[in-house]
Amino acid sequence: MNYLLAILLPPLSIFLTGRPILGILVFVIWVPALIFSGGLTHPMFILLAWLLIFSSRERAT
């Protein structure tokens, strides 16, 4: 479920993986990046969220 959320709202997904400060920081960067680039930077944030979700799952096991 968190991977689907990472596609739609990467900052919220990062926040829910247990990294609230990074989630807030990404949100502050993500919103202007979406506005000014027209959505071209969105895949970069999706990849960041997926890597953080994967690393948090690896850390848990």
PDB file of N, CA and C in Angstrom:
ATOM      1  N   MET A   1       0.819  -1.194   0.000  1.00  0.00           N
ATOM      2  CA  MET A   1       0.000   0.000   0.000  1.00  0.00           C
ATOM      3  C   MET A   1       0.869   1.266   0.000  1.00  0.00           C
ATOM      4  N   ASN A   2       1.986   1.185   0.721  1.00  0.00           N
ATOM      5  CA  ASN A   2       2.860   2.350   0.798  1.00  0.00           C
ATOM      6  C   ASN A   2       3.521   2.628  -0.554  1.00  0.00           C
ATOM      7  N   TYR A   3       3.743   1.584  -1.358  1.00  0.00           N
ATOM      8  CA  TYR A   3       4.320   1.799  -2.684  1.00  0.00           C
ATOM      9  C   TYR A   3       3.349   2.550  -3.591  1.00  0.00           C
ATOM     10  N   LEU A   4       2.065   2.261  -3.479  1.00  0.00           N
ATOM     11  CA  LEU A   4       1.057   2.991  -4.257  1.00  0.00           C
ATOM     12  C   LEU A   4       0.982   4.447  -3.805  1.00  0.00           C
ATOM     13  N   LEU A   5       1.065   4.635  -2.512  1.00  0.00           N
ATOM     14  CA  LEU A   5       1.076   5.999  -1.975  1.00  0.00           C
ATOM     15  C   LEU A   5       2.319   6.753  -2.431  1.00  0.00           C
ATOM     16  N   ALA A   6       3.431   6.048  -2.599  1.00  0.00           N
ATOM     17  CA  ALA A   6       4.664   6.684  -3.072  1.00  0.00           C
ATOM     18  C   ALA A   6       4.508   7.208  -4.493  1.00  0.00           C
ATOM     19  N   ILE A   7       3.686   6.564  -5.289  1.00  0.00           N
ATOM     20  CA  ILE A   7       3.453   7.036  -6.654  1.00  0.00           C
ATOM     21  C   ILE A   7       2.617   8.312  -6.653  1.00  0.00           C
ATOM     22  N   LEU A   8       1.623   8.361  -5.783  1.00  0.00           N
ATOM     23  CA  LEU A   8       0.711   9.500  -5.779  1.00  0.00           C
ATOM     24  C   LEU A   8       1.224  10.680  -4.950  1.00  0.00           C
ATOM     25  N   LEU A   9       1.701  10.396  -3.736  1.00  0.00           N
ATOM     26  CA  LEU A   9       2.167  11.443  -2.823  1.00  0.00           C
ATOM     27  C   LEU A   9       3.466  11.005  -2.146  1.00  0.00           C
ATOM     28  N   PRO A  10       4.586  11.164  -2.818  1.00  0.00           N
ATOM     29  CA  PRO A  10       5.860  10.708  -2.247  1.00  0.00           C
ATOM     30  C   PRO A  10       6.197  11.295  -0.873  1.00  0.00           C
ATOM     31  N   PRO A  11       5.949  12.590  -0.607  1.00  0.00           N
ATOM     32  CA  PRO A  11       6.295  13.107   0.722  1.00  0.00           C
ATOM     33  C   PRO A  11       5.518  12.425   1.852  1.00  0.00           C
ATOM     34  N   LEU A  12       4.253  12.151   1.628  1.00  0.00           N
ATOM     35  CA  LEU A  12       3.454  11.471   2.648  1.00  0.00           C
ATOM     36  C   LEU A  12       3.949  10.049   2.856  1.00  0.00           C
ATOM     37  N   SER A  13       4.329   9.391   1.799  1.00  0.00           N
ATOM     38  CA  SER A  13       4.859   8.043   1.898  1.00  0.00           C
ATOM     39  C   SER A  13       6.163   8.023   2.696  1.00  0.00           C
ATOM     40  N   ILE A  14       7.030   9.002   2.448  1.00  0.00           N
ATOM     41  CA  ILE A  14       8.285   9.100   3.201  1.00  0.00           C
ATOM     42  C   ILE A  14       7.992   9.385   4.666  1.00  0.00           C
ATOM     43  N   PHE A  15       7.022  10.244   4.927  1.00  0.00           N
ATOM     44  CA  PHE A  15       6.623  10.552   6.299  1.00  0.00           C
ATOM     45  C   PHE A  15       6.143   9.293   7.032  1.00  0.00           C
ATOM     46  N   LEU A  16       5.395   8.440   6.335  1.00  0.00           N
ATOM     47  CA  LEU A  16       4.837   7.242   6.960  1.00  0.00           C
ATOM     48  C   LEU A  16       5.859   6.113   7.129  1.00  0.00           C
ATOM     49  N   THR A  17       7.014   6.202   6.475  1.00  0.00           N
ATOM     50  CA  THR A  17       8.045   5.183   6.669  1.00  0.00           C
ATOM     51  C   THR A  17       8.827   5.393   7.951  1.00  0.00           C
ATOM     52  N   GLY A  18       8.527   6.473   8.661  1.00  0.00           N
ATOM     53  CA  GLY A  18       9.207   6.730   9.922  1.00  0.00           C
ATOM     54  C   GLY A  18      10.285   7.791   9.819  1.00  0.00           C
ATOM     55  N   ARG A  19      10.238   8.588   8.782  1.00  0.00           N
ATOM     56  CA  ARG A  19      11.198   9.680   8.607  1.00  0.00           C
ATOM     57  C   ARG A  19      10.431  10.989   8.426  1.00  0.00           C
ATOM     58  N   PRO A  20       9.886  11.516   9.529  1.00  0.00           N
ATOM     59  CA  PRO A  20       9.025  12.701   9.411  1.00  0.00           C
ATOM     60  C   PRO A  20       9.765  13.967   8.972  1.00  0.00           C
ATOM     61  N   ILE A  21      10.977  14.173   9.435  1.00  0.00           N
ATOM     62  CA  ILE A  21      11.706  15.381   9.063  1.00  0.00           C
ATOM     63  C   ILE A  21      12.040  15.356   7.577  1.00  0.00           C
ATOM     64  N   LEU A  22      12.484  14.218   7.084  1.00  0.00           N
ATOM     65  CA  LEU A  22      12.766  14.087   5.657  1.00  0.00           C
ATOM     66  C   LEU A  22      11.492  14.237   4.831  1.00  0.00           C
ATOM     67  N   GLY A  23      10.367  13.721   5.335  1.00  0.00           N
ATOM     68  CA  GLY A  23       9.093  13.877   4.637  1.00  0.00           C
ATOM     69  C   GLY A  23       8.684  15.330   4.496  1.00  0.00           C
ATOM     70  N   ILE A  24       8.878  16.099   5.550  1.00  0.00           N
ATOM     71  CA  ILE A  24       8.548  17.533   5.501  1.00  0.00           C
ATOM     72  C   ILE A  24       9.490  18.253   4.552  1.00  0.00           C
ATOM     73  N   LEU A  25      10.774  17.933   4.616  1.00  0.00           N
ATOM     74  CA  LEU A  25      11.752  18.560   3.734  1.00  0.00           C
ATOM     75  C   LEU A  25      11.458  18.243   2.266  1.00  0.00           C
ATOM     76  N   VAL A  26      11.124  17.000   1.986  1.00  0.00           N
ATOM     77  CA  VAL A  26      10.791  16.617   0.607  1.00  0.00           C
ATOM     78  C   VAL A  26       9.521  17.322   0.151  1.00  0.00           C
ATOM     79  N   PHE A  27       8.562  17.490   1.040  1.00  0.00           N
ATOM     80  CA  PHE A  27       7.331  18.195   0.672  1.00  0.00           C
ATOM     81  C   PHE A  27       7.624  19.638   0.284  1.00  0.00           C
ATOM     82  N   VAL A  28       8.507  20.281   1.046  1.00  0.00           N
ATOM     83  CA  VAL A  28       8.858  21.681   0.761  1.00  0.00           C
ATOM     84  C   VAL A  28       9.543  21.802  -0.601  1.00  0.00           C
ATOM     85  N   ILE A  29      10.310  20.793  -0.981  1.00  0.00           N
ATOM     86  CA  ILE A  29      10.988  20.820  -2.283  1.00  0.00           C
ATOM     87  C   ILE A  29      10.068  20.319  -3.396  1.00  0.00           C
ATOM     88  N   TRP A  30       9.201  19.342  -3.071  1.00  0.00           N
ATOM     89  CA  TRP A  30       8.359  18.670  -4.058  1.00  0.00           C
ATOM     90  C   TRP A  30       7.319  19.610  -4.684  1.00  0.00           C
ATOM     91  N   VAL A  31       6.660  20.410  -3.859  1.00  0.00           N
ATOM     92  CA  VAL A  31       5.584  21.279  -4.369  1.00  0.00           C
ATOM     93  C   VAL A  31       6.118  22.286  -5.394  1.00  0.00           C
ATOM     94  N   PRO A  32       7.168  23.064  -5.088  1.00  0.00           N
ATOM     95  CA  PRO A  32       7.669  23.979  -6.133  1.00  0.00           C
ATOM     96  C   PRO A  32       8.229  23.243  -7.350  1.00  0.00           C
ATOM     97  N   ALA A  33       8.823  22.074  -7.130  1.00  0.00           N
ATOM     98  CA  ALA A  33       9.358  21.314  -8.259  1.00  0.00           C
ATOM     99  C   ALA A  33       8.241  20.886  -9.203  1.00  0.00           C
ATOM    100  N   LEU A  34       7.099  20.489  -8.648  1.00  0.00           N
ATOM    101  CA  LEU A  34       5.965  20.128  -9.496  1.00  0.00           C
ATOM    102  C   LEU A  34       5.425  21.332 -10.261  1.00  0.00           C
ATOM    103  N   ILE A  35       5.372  22.454  -9.587  1.00  0.00           N
ATOM    104  CA  ILE A  35       4.817  23.657 -10.222  1.00  0.00           C
ATOM    105  C   ILE A  35       5.730  24.169 -11.330  1.00  0.00           C
ATOM    106  N   PHE A  36       7.010  24.284 -11.044  1.00  0.00           N
ATOM    107  CA  PHE A  36       7.928  24.902 -12.000  1.00  0.00           C
ATOM    108  C   PHE A  36       8.361  23.974 -13.123  1.00  0.00           C
ATOM    109  N   SER A  37       8.420  22.667 -12.858  1.00  0.00           N
ATOM    110  CA  SER A  37       8.869  21.754 -13.918  1.00  0.00           C
ATOM    111  C   SER A  37       7.707  21.113 -14.665  1.00  0.00           C
ATOM    112  N   GLY A  38       6.503  21.313 -14.195  1.00  0.00           N
ATOM    113  CA  GLY A  38       5.354  20.700 -14.853  1.00  0.00           C
ATOM    114  C   GLY A  38       5.242  19.218 -14.593  1.00  0.00           C
ATOM    115  N   GLY A  39       5.824  18.749 -13.515  1.00  0.00           N
ATOM    116  CA  GLY A  39       5.737  17.343 -13.149  1.00  0.00           C
ATOM    117  C   GLY A  39       6.904  16.494 -13.611  1.00  0.00           C
ATOM    118  N   LEU A  40       7.918  17.109 -14.216  1.00  0.00           N
ATOM    119  CA  LEU A  40       9.045  16.332 -14.721  1.00  0.00           C
ATOM    120  C   LEU A  40       9.931  15.765 -13.608  1.00  0.00           C
ATOM    121  N   THR A  41       9.921  16.384 -12.431  1.00  0.00           N
ATOM    122  CA  THR A  41      10.757  15.898 -11.338  1.00  0.00           C
ATOM    123  C   THR A  41      10.036  14.880 -10.457  1.00  0.00           C
ATOM    124  N   HIS A  42       8.784  14.619 -10.725  1.00  0.00           N
ATOM    125  CA  HIS A  42       8.000  13.694  -9.904  1.00  0.00           C
ATOM    126  C   HIS A  42       8.613  12.283  -9.854  1.00  0.00           C
ATOM    127  N   PRO A  43       9.115  11.727 -10.949  1.00  0.00           N
ATOM    128  CA  PRO A  43       9.728  10.390 -10.861  1.00  0.00           C
ATOM    129  C   PRO A  43      10.932  10.317  -9.919  1.00  0.00           C
ATOM    130  N   MET A  44      11.669  11.402  -9.788  1.00  0.00           N
ATOM    131  CA  MET A  44      12.804  11.420  -8.871  1.00  0.00           C
ATOM    132  C   MET A  44      12.328  11.225  -7.432  1.00  0.00           C
ATOM    133  N   PHE A  45      11.242  11.858  -7.061  1.00  0.00           N
ATOM    134  CA  PHE A  45      10.724  11.728  -5.707  1.00  0.00           C
ATOM    135  C   PHE A  45      10.088  10.357  -5.487  1.00  0.00           C
ATOM    136  N   ILE A  46       9.502   9.789  -6.525  1.00  0.00           N
ATOM    137  CA  ILE A  46       8.962   8.429  -6.425  1.00  0.00           C
ATOM    138  C   ILE A  46      10.088   7.442  -6.156  1.00  0.00           C
ATOM    139  N   LEU A  47      11.189   7.575  -6.867  1.00  0.00           N
ATOM    140  CA  LEU A  47      12.334   6.681  -6.639  1.00  0.00           C
ATOM    141  C   LEU A  47      12.897   6.847  -5.233  1.00  0.00           C
ATOM    142  N   LEU A  48      12.987   8.071  -4.752  1.00  0.00           N
ATOM    143  CA  LEU A  48      13.457   8.302  -3.393  1.00  0.00           C
ATOM    144  C   LEU A  48      12.539   7.637  -2.384  1.00  0.00           C
ATOM    145  N   ALA A  49      11.240   7.781  -2.563  1.00  0.00           N
ATOM    146  CA  ALA A  49      10.284   7.163  -1.641  1.00  0.00           C
ATOM    147  C   ALA A  49      10.387   5.646  -1.681  1.00  0.00           C
ATOM    148  N   TRP A  50      10.505   5.057  -2.873  1.00  0.00           N
ATOM    149  CA  TRP A  50      10.617   3.607  -2.981  1.00  0.00           C
ATOM    150  C   TRP A  50      11.880   3.094  -2.313  1.00  0.00           C
ATOM    151  N   LEU A  51      12.993   3.817  -2.491  1.00  0.00           N
ATOM    152  CA  LEU A  51      14.237   3.393  -1.842  1.00  0.00           C
ATOM    153  C   LEU A  51      14.129   3.468  -0.324  1.00  0.00           C
ATOM    154  N   LEU A  52      13.482   4.493   0.187  1.00  0.00           N
ATOM    155  CA  LEU A  52      13.313   4.604   1.633  1.00  0.00           C
ATOM    156  C   LEU A  52      12.365   3.552   2.182  1.00  0.00           C
ATOM    157  N   ILE A  53      11.316   3.223   1.436  1.00  0.00           N
ATOM    158  CA  ILE A  53      10.401   2.156   1.869  1.00  0.00           C
ATOM    159  C   ILE A  53      11.138   0.828   1.893  1.00  0.00           C
ATOM    160  N   PHE A  54      11.913   0.563   0.853  1.00  0.00           N
ATOM    161  CA  PHE A  54      12.663  -0.683   0.775  1.00  0.00           C
ATOM    162  C   PHE A  54      13.683  -0.780   1.913  1.00  0.00           C
ATOM    163  N   SER A  55      14.397   0.316   2.183  1.00  0.00           N
ATOM    164  CA  SER A  55      15.400   0.266   3.238  1.00  0.00           C
ATOM    165  C   SER A  55      14.760   0.124   4.619  1.00  0.00           C
ATOM    166  N   SER A  56      13.589   0.708   4.812  1.00  0.00           N
ATOM    167  CA  SER A  56      12.925   0.561   6.111  1.00  0.00           C
ATOM    168  C   SER A  56      12.430  -0.871   6.308  1.00  0.00           C
ATOM    169  N   ARG A  57      12.011  -1.529   5.236  1.00  0.00           N
ATOM    170  CA  ARG A  57      11.600  -2.933   5.345  1.00  0.00           C
ATOM    171  C   ARG A  57      12.786  -3.835   5.595  1.00  0.00           C
ATOM    172  N   GLU A  58      13.924  -3.527   4.978  1.00  0.00           N
ATOM    173  CA  GLU A  58      15.141  -4.309   5.207  1.00  0.00           C
ATOM    174  C   GLU A  58      15.643  -4.137   6.633  1.00  0.00           C
ATOM    175  N   ARG A  59      15.514  -2.935   7.152  1.00  0.00           N
ATOM    176  CA  ARG A  59      15.921  -2.645   8.526  1.00  0.00           C
ATOM    177  C   ARG A  59      15.045  -3.379   9.525  1.00  0.00           C
ATOM    178  N   ALA A  60      13.757  -3.545   9.204  1.00  0.00           N
ATOM    179  CA  ALA A  60      12.805  -4.190  10.105  1.00  0.00           C
ATOM    180  C   ALA A  60      13.028  -5.699  10.201  1.00  0.00           C
ATOM    181  N   THR A  61      13.575  -6.308   9.164  1.00  0.00           N
ATOM    182  CA  THR A  61      13.768  -7.767   9.190  1.00  0.00           C
ATOM    183  C   THR A  61      15.111  -8.164   9.687  1.00  0.00           C
TER     184      THR A  61
END
